[in-house]
């Protein structure tokens, strides 16, 4: 597996949806809005500009679509405001995952020499980045929050020095709870 690189540098666009998750039949409703699970969907396009380096070999690279460009804060702030979720002072919202389903695909590729037949492009795998644990600003007992969403890793491959992967599209469906982390 290739080593992850820094976050995808530019995002061409992102859409999001956040809504309270529906309950199953006979499932007890949450006791407070802080216990509510939410469905969060993030979709968009990351500009990658990954160019092959070797004439007849595959360059394999993992890119991270995550913080620094992937906007998770806007939908979380929207939900906190819309559903009046109490936020501790000096805290930032985070998303603690229960279930997840990321997806990434090639969105735009280019090969400089049109007569060439040896270029190749691939998305080999995608998965959430490792889930960190953080301090819980809303817990007076100091219990941490776990499974914090930080983005996805996408394993790309490009063959031929004249070939470039320009854009990768993504759709990330998440189920979890809004939590609060100590802010600055």
Protein backbone atom coordinates (compact mmCIF):
# COMPACT_ATOMS: atom_id res chain seq x y z
CA UNK A 1 0.00 0.00 0.00
CA UNK A 2 1.44 3.42 -0.93
CA UNK A 3 2.25 5.99 1.73
CA UNK A 4 -0.37 8.76 2.17
CA UNK A 5 0.53 12.19 0.84
CA UNK A 6 -0.65 15.51 2.17
CA UNK A 7 -4.30 16.38 1.69
CA UNK A 8 -5.62 16.94 -1.80
CA UNK A 9 -4.50 20.52 -2.41
CA UNK A 10 -7.56 22.04 -4.10
CA UNK A 11 -11.26 21.25 -4.07
CA UNK A 12 -13.22 22.11 -7.20
CA UNK A 13 -16.49 21.89 -5.32
CA UNK A 14 -18.31 20.15 -2.52
CA UNK A 15 -21.92 19.48 -1.63
CA UNK A 16 -23.23 18.19 1.64
CA UNK A 17 -26.37 16.97 3.33
CA UNK A 18 -26.91 16.51 7.06
CA UNK A 19 -30.12 15.30 8.63
CA UNK A 20 -31.19 13.40 11.75
CA UNK A 21 -31.11 9.66 11.13
CA UNK A 22 -34.44 7.87 11.07
CA UNK A 23 -35.26 5.40 13.81
CA UNK A 24 -35.96 1.74 13.22
CA UNK A 25 -39.34 0.28 14.18
CA UNK A 26 -39.54 -0.05 17.97
CA UNK A 27 -36.25 1.82 18.43
CA UNK A 28 -36.33 4.17 21.41
CA UNK A 29 -35.89 7.83 20.46
CA UNK A 30 -32.78 9.62 21.72
CA UNK A 31 -33.18 11.13 25.20
CA UNK A 32 -31.58 14.45 24.15
CA UNK A 33 -30.54 16.10 20.90
CA UNK A 34 -26.93 15.37 21.92
CA UNK A 35 -27.74 11.64 21.65
CA UNK A 36 -29.20 11.99 18.15
CA UNK A 37 -27.46 10.18 15.29
CA UNK A 38 -27.11 12.11 12.04
CA UNK A 39 -26.66 11.11 8.43
CA UNK A 40 -23.89 13.23 6.85
CA UNK A 41 -23.19 12.96 3.11
CA UNK A 42 -20.20 14.75 1.52
CA UNK A 43 -19.63 14.74 -2.24
CA UNK A 44 -17.36 16.69 -4.52
CA UNK A 45 -14.27 16.83 -6.68
CA UNK A 46 -10.65 17.08 -5.51
CA UNK A 47 -8.03 18.45 -7.91
CA UNK A 48 -5.07 16.08 -7.66
CA UNK A 49 -2.69 16.75 -10.60
CA UNK A 50 -0.80 13.48 -10.17
CA UNK A 51 1.56 13.02 -13.12
CA UNK A 52 3.31 9.77 -13.95
CA UNK A 53 7.10 9.79 -13.70
CA UNK A 54 8.30 6.68 -15.49
CA UNK A 55 7.79 5.76 -19.16
CA UNK A 56 6.69 2.15 -18.64
CA UNK A 57 5.96 1.78 -14.95
CA UNK A 58 3.09 2.58 -12.58
CA UNK A 59 3.43 5.43 -10.06
CA UNK A 60 1.30 4.53 -7.06
CA UNK A 61 0.31 7.27 -4.64
CA UNK A 62 -2.17 7.61 -1.78
CA UNK A 63 -3.85 10.99 -1.50
CA UNK A 64 -5.88 12.12 1.48
CA UNK A 65 -9.16 13.89 0.95
CA UNK A 66 -9.59 15.39 4.38
CA UNK A 67 -9.12 18.37 6.66
CA UNK A 68 -7.71 21.46 5.05
CA UNK A 69 -10.11 21.23 2.15
CA UNK A 70 -12.85 18.71 2.85
CA UNK A 71 -15.45 20.89 4.56
CA UNK A 72 -16.97 18.97 7.45
CA UNK A 73 -17.31 22.03 9.67
CA UNK A 74 -20.05 23.78 7.62
CA UNK A 75 -22.60 20.94 7.81
CA UNK A 76 -21.83 20.36 11.50
CA UNK A 77 -22.23 24.06 12.32
CA UNK A 78 -25.48 24.08 10.33
CA UNK A 79 -26.85 21.13 12.34
CA UNK A 80 -25.78 22.65 15.66
CA UNK A 81 -27.62 25.85 14.77
CA UNK A 82 -30.72 24.27 13.13
CA UNK A 83 -31.42 21.75 15.89
CA UNK A 84 -30.13 23.90 18.80
CA UNK A 85 -27.53 21.37 19.89
CA UNK A 86 -25.87 22.74 23.04
CA UNK A 87 -22.18 23.42 22.39
CA UNK A 88 -19.71 23.93 25.25
CA UNK A 89 -17.89 27.25 25.25
CA UNK A 90 -14.65 27.33 23.23
CA UNK A 91 -15.38 24.04 21.46
CA UNK A 92 -15.44 22.88 17.86
CA UNK A 93 -17.84 20.28 16.43
CA UNK A 94 -16.56 16.90 15.32
CA UNK A 95 -18.24 13.78 13.94
CA UNK A 96 -17.99 10.46 15.78
CA UNK A 97 -18.72 7.63 13.34
CA UNK A 98 -21.04 4.69 13.80
CA UNK A 99 -21.16 3.58 10.13
CA UNK A 100 -19.45 4.84 6.98
CA UNK A 101 -19.37 4.23 3.24
CA UNK A 102 -16.74 6.20 1.29
CA UNK A 103 -16.39 6.09 -2.50
CA UNK A 104 -13.86 7.70 -4.88
CA UNK A 105 -13.46 7.54 -8.67
CA UNK A 106 -11.44 9.09 -11.47
CA UNK A 107 -13.10 12.28 -12.62
CA UNK A 108 -10.60 13.72 -15.12
CA UNK A 109 -7.46 12.28 -16.74
CA UNK A 110 -5.15 13.40 -19.55
CA UNK A 111 -2.39 11.94 -21.69
CA UNK A 112 -0.12 14.37 -23.50
CA UNK A 113 0.68 12.15 -26.50
CA UNK A 114 -2.57 11.09 -28.13
CA UNK A 115 -0.89 8.36 -30.18
CA UNK A 116 0.44 6.59 -27.11
CA UNK A 117 -1.20 3.34 -26.08
CA UNK A 118 0.69 2.66 -22.88
CA UNK A 119 -0.84 5.14 -20.42
CA UNK A 120 -2.99 3.92 -17.55
CA UNK A 121 -5.06 5.42 -14.76
CA UNK A 122 -6.54 3.76 -11.68
CA UNK A 123 -8.26 4.21 -8.36
CA UNK A 124 -7.12 1.04 -6.60
CA UNK A 125 -8.76 1.51 -3.20
CA UNK A 126 -10.43 4.01 -0.90
CA UNK A 127 -11.02 3.90 2.84
CA UNK A 128 -11.48 6.24 5.79
CA UNK A 129 -8.32 7.65 7.29
CA UNK A 130 -7.49 6.16 10.70
CA UNK A 131 -10.08 7.23 13.27
CA UNK A 132 -8.49 9.28 16.05
CA UNK A 133 -9.79 9.72 19.58
CA UNK A 134 -10.08 13.17 21.12
CA UNK A 135 -10.97 15.00 24.29
CA UNK A 136 -14.70 15.46 24.77
CA UNK A 137 -15.45 19.12 25.60
CA UNK A 138 -19.00 18.16 26.65
CA UNK A 139 -18.01 15.45 29.17
CA UNK A 140 -17.23 16.66 32.69
CA UNK A 141 -15.76 13.24 33.55
CA UNK A 142 -13.05 13.48 30.88
CA UNK A 143 -14.27 10.54 28.80
CA UNK A 144 -12.86 10.84 25.26
CA UNK A 145 -14.78 10.63 22.00
CA UNK A 146 -13.65 8.03 19.50
CA UNK A 147 -14.01 7.20 15.79
CA UNK A 148 -13.59 10.84 14.76
CA UNK A 149 -13.99 11.33 11.02
CA UNK A 150 -10.91 12.91 9.40
CA UNK A 151 -11.36 12.13 5.70
CA UNK A 152 -10.56 9.31 3.28
CA UNK A 153 -7.39 7.89 1.76
CA UNK A 154 -7.52 7.11 -1.96
CA UNK A 155 -4.90 4.87 -3.60
CA UNK A 156 -4.23 6.14 -7.13
CA UNK A 157 -2.00 4.80 -9.89
CA UNK A 158 -0.85 6.41 -13.11
CA UNK A 159 1.31 4.81 -15.81
CA UNK A 160 3.50 6.77 -18.20
CA UNK A 161 5.30 10.07 -17.73
CA UNK A 162 2.88 11.79 -20.16
CA UNK A 163 -0.22 10.75 -18.18
CA UNK A 164 -1.88 12.84 -15.45
CA UNK A 165 -4.78 12.24 -13.08
CA UNK A 166 -6.34 15.68 -12.72
CA UNK A 167 -9.43 15.15 -10.61
CA UNK A 168 -10.93 12.55 -8.28
CA UNK A 169 -14.60 12.64 -7.37
CA UNK A 170 -15.84 11.37 -4.02
CA UNK A 171 -19.03 10.55 -2.17
CA UNK A 172 -18.74 9.88 1.55
CA UNK A 173 -21.82 8.71 3.47
CA UNK A 174 -21.50 8.80 7.25
CA UNK A 175 -23.73 7.91 10.19
CA UNK A 176 -22.70 9.21 13.58
CA UNK A 177 -23.07 11.74 16.35
CA UNK A 178 -22.03 15.36 16.56
CA UNK A 179 -19.48 15.75 19.34
CA UNK A 180 -17.54 18.70 20.65
CA UNK A 181 -13.78 18.96 20.91
CA UNK A 182 -11.81 21.59 22.83
CA UNK A 183 -11.18 24.62 20.62
CA UNK A 184 -8.58 27.35 20.71
